[in-house]
Amino acid sequence: MSHKERYIVKTGKGKILKFTDELETALKIKEEHKIEGAYIEDKKNPKKHKQTYFH
């Protein structure tokens, strides 16, 4: 299974919440799941958005 979306929203434990191309959608889902340590993984720039709630 291949996903071509740019952003992947994951929890702190690595569970994938959403694949999306829109940063606004990814940020909204990250905010909804911030208690779980959600972060955004960007395929083009892997370290840019990787900030969790606990940092």
N, C-alpha and C. Protein backbone atom coordinates (compact mmCIF):
# COMPACT_ATOMS: atom_id res chain seq x y z
N MET A 1 0.85 -1.17 0.00
CA MET A 1 0.00 0.00 0.00
C MET A 1 0.90 1.24 0.00
N SER A 2 0.75 2.07 -0.99
CA SER A 2 1.58 3.26 -1.11
C SER A 2 0.72 4.51 -0.98
N HIS A 3 1.17 5.42 -0.13
CA HIS A 3 0.48 6.69 0.05
C HIS A 3 1.36 7.78 -0.52
N LYS A 4 0.81 8.66 -1.33
CA LYS A 4 1.58 9.71 -1.97
C LYS A 4 1.39 11.06 -1.29
N GLU A 5 0.61 11.11 -0.21
CA GLU A 5 0.39 12.37 0.47
C GLU A 5 1.67 12.84 1.14
N ARG A 6 1.81 14.15 1.29
CA ARG A 6 3.05 14.73 1.82
C ARG A 6 3.14 14.61 3.33
N TYR A 7 2.06 14.86 4.05
CA TYR A 7 2.08 14.89 5.51
C TYR A 7 1.45 13.64 6.11
N ILE A 8 2.08 13.13 7.16
CA ILE A 8 1.55 12.00 7.91
C ILE A 8 1.45 12.44 9.36
N VAL A 9 0.27 12.33 9.95
CA VAL A 9 0.09 12.68 11.35
C VAL A 9 0.15 11.38 12.15
N LYS A 10 1.07 11.34 13.13
CA LYS A 10 1.26 10.15 13.95
C LYS A 10 1.18 10.49 15.42
N THR A 11 0.86 9.49 16.24
CA THR A 11 0.89 9.67 17.68
C THR A 11 2.31 9.40 18.17
N GLY A 12 2.54 9.68 19.44
CA GLY A 12 3.86 9.45 20.02
C GLY A 12 4.28 7.99 19.98
N LYS A 13 3.31 7.09 19.93
CA LYS A 13 3.61 5.66 19.89
C LYS A 13 3.74 5.13 18.47
N GLY A 14 3.62 6.01 17.48
CA GLY A 14 3.80 5.60 16.09
C GLY A 14 2.53 5.22 15.35
N LYS A 15 1.37 5.35 15.97
CA LYS A 15 0.11 5.04 15.30
C LYS A 15 -0.20 6.13 14.28
N ILE A 16 -0.50 5.74 13.06
CA ILE A 16 -0.81 6.70 12.00
C ILE A 16 -2.26 7.14 12.13
N LEU A 17 -2.47 8.46 12.20
CA LEU A 17 -3.81 9.01 12.32
C LEU A 17 -4.38 9.44 10.97
N LYS A 18 -3.53 10.05 10.12
CA LYS A 18 -4.05 10.60 8.86
C LYS A 18 -2.91 10.83 7.86
N PHE A 19 -3.20 10.56 6.59
CA PHE A 19 -2.33 10.93 5.47
C PHE A 19 -3.01 12.11 4.78
N THR A 20 -2.29 13.20 4.50
CA THR A 20 -2.90 14.34 3.85
C THR A 20 -1.87 15.17 3.09
N ASP A 21 -2.36 15.95 2.13
CA ASP A 21 -1.52 16.90 1.42
C ASP A 21 -1.67 18.31 1.97
N GLU A 22 -2.66 18.54 2.79
CA GLU A 22 -2.95 19.88 3.31
C GLU A 22 -2.38 20.05 4.72
N LEU A 23 -1.55 21.05 4.90
CA LEU A 23 -0.94 21.31 6.19
C LEU A 23 -1.98 21.73 7.23
N GLU A 24 -2.99 22.49 6.82
CA GLU A 24 -4.04 22.93 7.75
C GLU A 24 -4.75 21.74 8.38
N THR A 25 -5.09 20.76 7.58
CA THR A 25 -5.76 19.56 8.07
C THR A 25 -4.85 18.80 9.03
N ALA A 26 -3.58 18.69 8.67
CA ALA A 26 -2.62 17.99 9.53
C ALA A 26 -2.46 18.69 10.87
N LEU A 27 -2.39 20.01 10.86
CA LEU A 27 -2.25 20.77 12.11
C LEU A 27 -3.50 20.63 12.99
N LYS A 28 -4.66 20.60 12.37
CA LYS A 28 -5.91 20.46 13.11
C LYS A 28 -5.97 19.09 13.81
N ILE A 29 -5.59 18.04 13.11
CA ILE A 29 -5.60 16.69 13.69
C ILE A 29 -4.55 16.58 14.78
N LYS A 30 -3.39 17.20 14.55
CA LYS A 30 -2.32 17.20 15.56
C LYS A 30 -2.82 17.87 16.84
N GLU A 31 -3.54 18.97 16.72
CA GLU A 31 -4.06 19.69 17.87
C GLU A 31 -5.11 18.86 18.62
N GLU A 32 -5.95 18.14 17.88
CA GLU A 32 -6.98 17.30 18.49
C GLU A 32 -6.37 16.14 19.29
N HIS A 33 -5.21 15.66 18.88
CA HIS A 33 -4.58 14.50 19.50
C HIS A 33 -3.29 14.86 20.23
N LYS A 34 -3.16 16.10 20.67
CA LYS A 34 -1.90 16.52 21.29
C LYS A 34 -1.63 15.83 22.62
N ILE A 35 -2.65 15.39 23.31
CA ILE A 35 -2.46 14.69 24.59
C ILE A 35 -1.76 13.34 24.37
N GLU A 36 -1.89 12.78 23.17
CA GLU A 36 -1.24 11.51 22.82
C GLU A 36 0.17 11.74 22.27
N GLY A 37 0.61 12.99 22.20
CA GLY A 37 1.94 13.29 21.67
C GLY A 37 1.99 13.28 20.16
N ALA A 38 0.90 13.69 19.51
CA ALA A 38 0.83 13.66 18.05
C ALA A 38 1.83 14.63 17.42
N TYR A 39 2.35 14.23 16.27
CA TYR A 39 3.26 15.07 15.51
C TYR A 39 3.04 14.85 14.02
N ILE A 40 3.57 15.78 13.23
CA ILE A 40 3.43 15.72 11.78
C ILE A 40 4.76 15.30 11.18
N GLU A 41 4.71 14.31 10.32
CA GLU A 41 5.90 13.88 9.59
C GLU A 41 5.77 14.38 8.15
N ASP A 42 6.74 15.15 7.71
CA ASP A 42 6.74 15.74 6.38
C ASP A 42 7.68 14.93 5.50
N LYS A 43 7.18 14.38 4.40
CA LYS A 43 8.02 13.54 3.53
C LYS A 43 9.12 14.33 2.85
N LYS A 44 8.89 15.62 2.55
CA LYS A 44 9.91 16.42 1.86
C LYS A 44 10.94 16.97 2.82
N ASN A 45 10.55 17.23 4.06
CA ASN A 45 11.47 17.77 5.06
C ASN A 45 11.16 17.07 6.39
N PRO A 46 11.73 15.91 6.65
CA PRO A 46 11.35 15.07 7.79
C PRO A 46 11.48 15.71 9.17
N LYS A 47 12.39 16.65 9.39
CA LYS A 47 12.59 17.20 10.73
C LYS A 47 11.84 18.50 10.98
N LYS A 48 11.21 19.07 9.98
CA LYS A 48 10.60 20.39 10.10
C LYS A 48 9.47 20.46 11.12
N HIS A 49 8.49 19.58 11.04
CA HIS A 49 7.30 19.64 11.87
C HIS A 49 7.31 18.66 13.03
N LYS A 50 8.38 17.93 13.22
CA LYS A 50 8.39 16.87 14.24
C LYS A 50 8.61 17.48 15.62
N GLN A 51 7.54 18.04 16.16
CA GLN A 51 7.54 18.58 17.51
C GLN A 51 6.32 17.99 18.22
N THR A 52 6.56 17.35 19.33
CA THR A 52 5.44 16.74 20.04
C THR A 52 4.98 17.66 21.16
N TYR A 53 3.90 17.29 21.77
CA TYR A 53 3.33 18.05 22.89
C TYR A 53 4.27 18.06 24.08
N PHE A 54 5.10 17.05 24.24
CA PHE A 54 5.94 16.92 25.41
C PHE A 54 7.28 17.63 25.31
N HIS A 55 7.63 18.20 24.16
CA HIS A 55 8.92 18.88 24.00
C HIS A 55 8.89 20.25 24.60
